[in-house]
Amino acid sequence: MKIECCLGSSCHVKSGPQILELLKKTIKEKSLENKIELAGCMCLGHCEEPGANLRIDGEVITGITEENFSDFWKNKVEAKL
């Protein structure tokens, strides 16, 4: 699985770096380094959405915040592993 976290200017302001750190931490805690490739990327084209934007295996997921990260992880990442 490849997860890309947008670090463009809009997502950077809307917690992109914090979401990237949460992803790194969660991947490490769950020992998923061999199953998930994590990368930063530039604009995914959904700047009007609240929160940060991610791309998982080509699918853009919008509106990720620190508050909804656990639900995102369970429904979008764990469900696909």
C-alpha atoms as a PDB file:
ATOM      1  CA  MET A   1       0.000   0.000   0.000  1.00  0.00           C
ATOM      2  CA  LYS A   2       1.280   3.478  -0.832  1.00  0.00           C
ATOM      3  CA  ILE A   3       0.105   6.462   1.215  1.00  0.00           C
ATOM      4  CA  GLU A   4       1.019   9.962   0.055  1.00  0.00           C
ATOM      5  CA  CYS A   5       0.385  12.943   2.322  1.00  0.00           C
ATOM      6  CA  CYS A   6      -0.078  16.322   0.667  1.00  0.00           C
ATOM      7  CA  LEU A   7       2.415  18.879   1.924  1.00  0.00           C
ATOM      8  CA  GLY A   8       1.455  21.659  -0.478  1.00  0.00           C
ATOM      9  CA  SER A   9       0.886  25.127   0.977  1.00  0.00           C
ATOM     10  CA  SER A  10      -2.835  24.666   1.689  1.00  0.00           C
ATOM     11  CA  CYS A  11      -2.482  21.262   3.364  1.00  0.00           C
ATOM     12  CA  HIS A  12       0.667  22.420   5.129  1.00  0.00           C
ATOM     13  CA  VAL A  13      -1.410  25.089   6.868  1.00  0.00           C
ATOM     14  CA  LYS A  14      -4.261  22.612   7.518  1.00  0.00           C
ATOM     15  CA  SER A  15      -2.152  20.087   9.486  1.00  0.00           C
ATOM     16  CA  GLY A  16      -0.473  18.138   6.662  1.00  0.00           C
ATOM     17  CA  PRO A  17       2.828  17.825   8.577  1.00  0.00           C
ATOM     18  CA  GLN A  18       1.016  16.699  11.733  1.00  0.00           C
ATOM     19  CA  ILE A  19      -0.925  14.065   9.789  1.00  0.00           C
ATOM     20  CA  LEU A  20       2.311  12.836   8.211  1.00  0.00           C
ATOM     21  CA  GLU A  21       3.802  12.444  11.704  1.00  0.00           C
ATOM     22  CA  LEU A  22       0.692  10.572  12.901  1.00  0.00           C
ATOM     23  CA  LEU A  23       1.014   8.244   9.916  1.00  0.00           C
ATOM     24  CA  LYS A  24       4.695   7.591  10.643  1.00  0.00           C
ATOM     25  CA  LYS A  25       3.968   6.939  14.321  1.00  0.00           C
ATOM     26  CA  THR A  26       1.018   4.626  13.640  1.00  0.00           C
ATOM     27  CA  ILE A  27       2.856   2.652  10.966  1.00  0.00           C
ATOM     28  CA  LYS A  28       5.772   2.128  13.342  1.00  0.00           C
ATOM     29  CA  GLU A  29       3.553   1.235  16.336  1.00  0.00           C
ATOM     30  CA  LYS A  30       1.724  -1.382  14.277  1.00  0.00           C
ATOM     31  CA  SER A  31       4.943  -2.696  12.640  1.00  0.00           C
ATOM     32  CA  LEU A  32       3.619  -2.019   9.143  1.00  0.00           C
ATOM     33  CA  GLU A  33       6.827  -0.627   7.638  1.00  0.00           C
ATOM     34  CA  ASN A  34       7.010  -3.565   5.206  1.00  0.00           C
ATOM     35  CA  LYS A  35       3.379  -3.190   4.122  1.00  0.00           C
ATOM     36  CA  ILE A  36       2.981   0.588   3.787  1.00  0.00           C
ATOM     37  CA  GLU A  37       5.105   2.948   1.731  1.00  0.00           C
ATOM     38  CA  LEU A  38       4.736   6.497   3.061  1.00  0.00           C
ATOM     39  CA  ALA A  39       5.635   9.607   1.091  1.00  0.00           C
ATOM     40  CA  GLY A  40       4.944  13.306   0.965  1.00  0.00           C
ATOM     41  CA  CYS A  41       3.579  14.870  -2.196  1.00  0.00           C
ATOM     42  CA  MET A  42       2.579  18.254  -3.507  1.00  0.00           C
ATOM     43  CA  CYS A  43      -0.926  19.500  -4.261  1.00  0.00           C
ATOM     44  CA  LEU A  44      -3.644  16.906  -4.853  1.00  0.00           C
ATOM     45  CA  GLY A  45      -6.076  19.550  -6.120  1.00  0.00           C
ATOM     46  CA  HIS A  46      -8.602  19.575  -3.285  1.00  0.00           C
ATOM     47  CA  CYS A  47      -7.444  22.712  -1.477  1.00  0.00           C
ATOM     48  CA  GLU A  48     -10.995  23.837  -0.663  1.00  0.00           C
ATOM     49  CA  GLU A  49     -11.569  20.818   1.595  1.00  0.00           C
ATOM     50  CA  PRO A  50     -10.959  21.124   5.347  1.00  0.00           C
ATOM     51  CA  GLY A  51      -8.006  19.208   6.778  1.00  0.00           C
ATOM     52  CA  ALA A  52      -5.187  17.533   4.919  1.00  0.00           C
ATOM     53  CA  ASN A  53      -5.503  15.458   1.767  1.00  0.00           C
ATOM     54  CA  LEU A  54      -3.971  12.030   1.206  1.00  0.00           C
ATOM     55  CA  ARG A  55      -3.696   9.601  -1.679  1.00  0.00           C
ATOM     56  CA  ILE A  56      -3.872   5.877  -0.971  1.00  0.00           C
ATOM     57  CA  ASP A  57      -2.983   3.659  -3.907  1.00  0.00           C
ATOM     58  CA  GLY A  58      -4.230   6.383  -6.260  1.00  0.00           C
ATOM     59  CA  GLU A  59      -7.459   7.216  -4.379  1.00  0.00           C
ATOM     60  CA  VAL A  60      -7.591  10.773  -3.005  1.00  0.00           C
ATOM     61  CA  ILE A  61      -8.955  11.054   0.537  1.00  0.00           C
ATOM     62  CA  THR A  62      -9.801  14.560   1.731  1.00  0.00           C
ATOM     63  CA  GLY A  63     -10.418  16.236   5.064  1.00  0.00           C
ATOM     64  CA  ILE A  64      -8.060  14.304   7.339  1.00  0.00           C
ATOM     65  CA  THR A  65      -7.575  16.014  10.698  1.00  0.00           C
ATOM     66  CA  GLU A  66      -5.985  15.004  13.970  1.00  0.00           C
ATOM     67  CA  GLU A  67      -9.499  14.622  15.384  1.00  0.00           C
ATOM     68  CA  ASN A  68     -10.708  12.165  12.715  1.00  0.00           C
ATOM     69  CA  PHE A  69      -7.380  10.390  12.150  1.00  0.00           C
ATOM     70  CA  SER A  70      -8.376   7.251  14.106  1.00  0.00           C
ATOM     71  CA  ASP A  71     -11.552   6.781  12.047  1.00  0.00           C
ATOM     72  CA  PHE A  72      -9.614   7.434   8.832  1.00  0.00           C
ATOM     73  CA  TRP A  73      -6.978   4.866   9.805  1.00  0.00           C
ATOM     74  CA  LYS A  74      -9.538   2.208  10.691  1.00  0.00           C
ATOM     75  CA  ASN A  75     -11.810   2.734   7.667  1.00  0.00           C
ATOM     76  CA  LYS A  76      -9.323   3.589   4.928  1.00  0.00           C
ATOM     77  CA  VAL A  77      -6.047   1.950   5.883  1.00  0.00           C
ATOM     78  CA  GLU A  78      -6.721  -1.070   8.082  1.00  0.00           C
ATOM     79  CA  ALA A  79      -9.734  -2.022   5.958  1.00  0.00           C
ATOM     80  CA  LYS A  80      -7.465  -2.298   2.888  1.00  0.00           C
ATOM     81  CA  LEU A  81      -4.605  -4.232   4.516  1.00  0.00           C
END
